[in-house]
Each structure stands twice: as C-alpha cells, then as structure tokens.
C-alpha atoms as a PDB file:
ATOM      1  CA  MET A   1    -219.538  14.717 -75.169  1.00  0.00           C
ATOM      2  CA  ILE A   2    -217.061  16.344 -72.824  1.00  0.00           C
ATOM      3  CA  THR A   3    -215.565  13.971 -70.297  1.00  0.00           C
ATOM      4  CA  CYS A   4    -214.783  15.419 -66.876  1.00  0.00           C
ATOM      5  CA  GLN A   5    -211.174  15.878 -65.949  1.00  0.00           C
ATOM      6  CA  PRO A   6    -210.188  13.841 -62.870  1.00  0.00           C
ATOM      7  CA  ASN A   7    -209.714  16.987 -60.747  1.00  0.00           C
ATOM      8  CA  SER A   8    -212.894  18.763 -61.861  1.00  0.00           C
ATOM      9  CA  LEU A   9    -215.733  19.520 -59.489  1.00  0.00           C
ATOM     10  CA  LEU A  10    -218.164  17.291 -61.366  1.00  0.00           C
ATOM     11  CA  ALA A  11    -215.909  14.237 -61.642  1.00  0.00           C
ATOM     12  CA  ALA A  12    -217.112  13.027 -58.229  1.00  0.00           C
ATOM     13  CA  ILE A  13    -220.732  13.284 -59.424  1.00  0.00           C
ATOM     14  CA  HIS A  14    -220.706  12.242 -63.073  1.00  0.00           C
ATOM     15  CA  ASP A  15    -218.244  11.428 -65.851  1.00  0.00           C
ATOM     16  CA  ARG A  16    -219.638  14.049 -68.237  1.00  0.00           C
ATOM     17  CA  MET A  17    -219.792  17.807 -67.895  1.00  0.00           C
ATOM     18  CA  PRO A  18    -222.260  20.162 -69.573  1.00  0.00           C
ATOM     19  CA  LEU A  19    -220.851  22.985 -71.617  1.00  0.00           C
ATOM     20  CA  ILE A  20    -220.696  26.194 -69.607  1.00  0.00           C
ATOM     21  CA  ILE A  21    -220.217  29.293 -71.735  1.00  0.00           C
ATOM     22  CA  ASP A  22    -218.104  31.835 -69.862  1.00  0.00           C
ATOM     23  CA  VAL A  23    -219.278  35.451 -69.785  1.00  0.00           C
ATOM     24  CA  PRO A  24    -216.527  36.746 -72.117  1.00  0.00           C
ATOM     25  CA  ASP A  25    -217.683  34.193 -74.718  1.00  0.00           C
ATOM     26  CA  TYR A  26    -221.413  35.089 -74.638  1.00  0.00           C
ATOM     27  CA  ASP A  27    -221.300  37.468 -77.605  1.00  0.00           C
ATOM     28  CA  ALA A  28    -219.220  35.108 -79.752  1.00  0.00           C
ATOM     29  CA  TRP A  29    -221.595  32.227 -78.952  1.00  0.00           C
ATOM     30  CA  LEU A  30    -224.722  34.227 -79.733  1.00  0.00           C
ATOM     31  CA  ALA A  31    -223.298  35.812 -82.876  1.00  0.00           C
ATOM     32  CA  GLY A  32    -221.888  32.535 -84.171  1.00  0.00           C
ATOM     33  CA  ASP A  33    -218.496  34.213 -84.666  1.00  0.00           C
ATOM     34  CA  LEU A  34    -216.567  31.129 -83.575  1.00  0.00           C
ATOM     35  CA  PRO A  35    -216.942  27.499 -84.532  1.00  0.00           C
ATOM     36  CA  PRO A  36    -218.698  25.860 -81.555  1.00  0.00           C
ATOM     37  CA  LEU A  37    -215.743  23.545 -80.977  1.00  0.00           C
ATOM     38  CA  ASP A  38    -213.626  26.595 -80.126  1.00  0.00           C
ATOM     39  CA  LEU A  39    -215.804  27.129 -77.059  1.00  0.00           C
ATOM     40  CA  LEU A  40    -215.418  23.544 -75.786  1.00  0.00           C
ATOM     41  CA  ARG A  41    -213.069  23.904 -72.872  1.00  0.00           C
ATOM     42  CA  PRO A  42    -213.438  22.939 -69.214  1.00  0.00           C
ATOM     43  CA  PHE A  43    -214.952  25.570 -66.965  1.00  0.00           C
ATOM     44  CA  PRO A  44    -212.659  26.209 -63.977  1.00  0.00           C
ATOM     45  CA  ALA A  45    -213.692  24.115 -60.972  1.00  0.00           C
ATOM     46  CA  GLU A  46    -212.725  26.904 -58.571  1.00  0.00           C
ATOM     47  CA  ARG A  47    -215.526  29.027 -60.083  1.00  0.00           C
ATOM     48  CA  MET A  48    -218.205  26.351 -59.510  1.00  0.00           C
ATOM     49  CA  MET A  49    -219.911  24.919 -56.471  1.00  0.00           C
ATOM     50  CA  ALA A  50    -221.990  21.810 -55.969  1.00  0.00           C
ATOM     51  CA  TYR A  51    -224.801  21.091 -53.563  1.00  0.00           C
ATOM     52  CA  GLU A  52    -227.570  18.527 -53.256  1.00  0.00           C
ATOM     53  CA  VAL A  53    -230.969  19.549 -54.653  1.00  0.00           C
ATOM     54  CA  SER A  54    -234.437  18.088 -54.225  1.00  0.00           C
ATOM     55  CA  THR A  55    -235.383  14.878 -56.013  1.00  0.00           C
ATOM     56  CA  LYS A  56    -238.014  17.047 -57.755  1.00  0.00           C
ATOM     57  CA  ILE A  57    -235.240  17.526 -60.330  1.00  0.00           C
ATOM     58  CA  ASN A  58    -236.112  14.032 -61.605  1.00  0.00           C
ATOM     59  CA  LYS A  59    -239.682  14.993 -62.510  1.00  0.00           C
ATOM     60  CA  ALA A  60    -239.741  16.144 -66.140  1.00  0.00           C
ATOM     61  CA  GLY A  61    -242.899  18.216 -65.644  1.00  0.00           C
ATOM     62  CA  TYR A  62    -241.642  20.127 -62.613  1.00  0.00           C
ATOM     63  CA  ASP A  63    -240.639  23.619 -63.765  1.00  0.00           C
ATOM     64  CA  GLN A  64    -240.357  25.904 -60.751  1.00  0.00           C
ATOM     65  CA  PRO A  65    -237.457  28.123 -59.637  1.00  0.00           C
ATOM     66  CA  ASP A  66    -237.143  26.307 -56.295  1.00  0.00           C
ATOM     67  CA  ILE A  67    -235.641  23.356 -58.177  1.00  0.00           C
ATOM     68  CA  LEU A  68    -232.284  25.104 -57.668  1.00  0.00           C
ATOM     69  CA  ASP A  69    -232.683  25.482 -53.895  1.00  0.00           C
ATOM     70  CA  PRO A  70    -230.434  23.327 -51.720  1.00  0.00           C
ATOM     71  CA  ALA A  71    -232.148  20.146 -50.493  1.00  0.00           C
ATOM     72  CA  PRO A  72    -233.614  20.455 -46.982  1.00  0.00           C
ATOM     73  CA  GLU A  73    -232.325  18.489 -44.037  1.00  0.00           C
ATOM     74  CA  THR A  74    -233.943  15.099 -43.525  1.00  0.00           C
ATOM     75  CA  ASP A  75    -234.361  12.715 -40.610  1.00  0.00           C
ATOM     76  CA  GLU A  76    -231.112  11.106 -41.744  1.00  0.00           C
ATOM     77  CA  GLY A  77    -229.280  14.372 -41.002  1.00  0.00           C
ATOM     78  CA  PRO A  78    -228.296  17.440 -42.988  1.00  0.00           C
ATOM     79  CA  ALA A  79    -228.283  17.505 -46.757  1.00  0.00           C
ATOM     80  CA  ALA A  80    -224.985  16.910 -48.489  1.00  0.00           C
ATOM     81  CA  PRO A  81    -222.550  19.723 -47.796  1.00  0.00           C
ATOM     82  CA  GLN A  82    -221.755  22.314 -50.398  1.00  0.00           C
ATOM     83  CA  LEU A  83    -218.572  21.314 -52.089  1.00  0.00           C
ATOM     84  CA  PRO A  84    -216.119  23.367 -53.762  1.00  0.00           C
ATOM     85  CA  LEU A  85    -213.617  20.575 -54.328  1.00  0.00           C
END
C-alpha cells in the first residue's frame, strides 16, 4: 500500500494512491527488468487532475467508457470543480 503524501492531489480524496506507471517506465514494467518495488514512487501531483465522476463508478457491473466523463450538474448546482491542487 502506498500512502498519499500530504501535498499530493489524492490526499484530499483518499489516504491511499494507486500505482501510476510513468511512460518512461512502461518498457521496464512490461519486460520485468526492474523489481516492482523500484517503480513505487509518487506520481507528480502537477501532472494529475481530479474531477467528480458519476456514481455509476460504484456499480461493479457497469463497464462503459462514459464512466470517466465528468459528473453532470445537478439541482444542487454544478459538479465539483476540476482540481489540480
């Protein structure tokens, strides 16, 4: 488990962060050239963005590309703003 750093983008959302393999590391990951622990490093927050998505994300059987679309506005007002933090 990787715990989010206090200043990371995801820290405001959750205390754990998924592993994000950076493009320069793709070949090493796929070839198994490095021990996996060598790839465990925080992904730079300035290269990420966060936005609210539909609650359809909670349905295990839902497997459509629109799951990644920003959540629509509701009667309560606009969806959460996009954050780069």
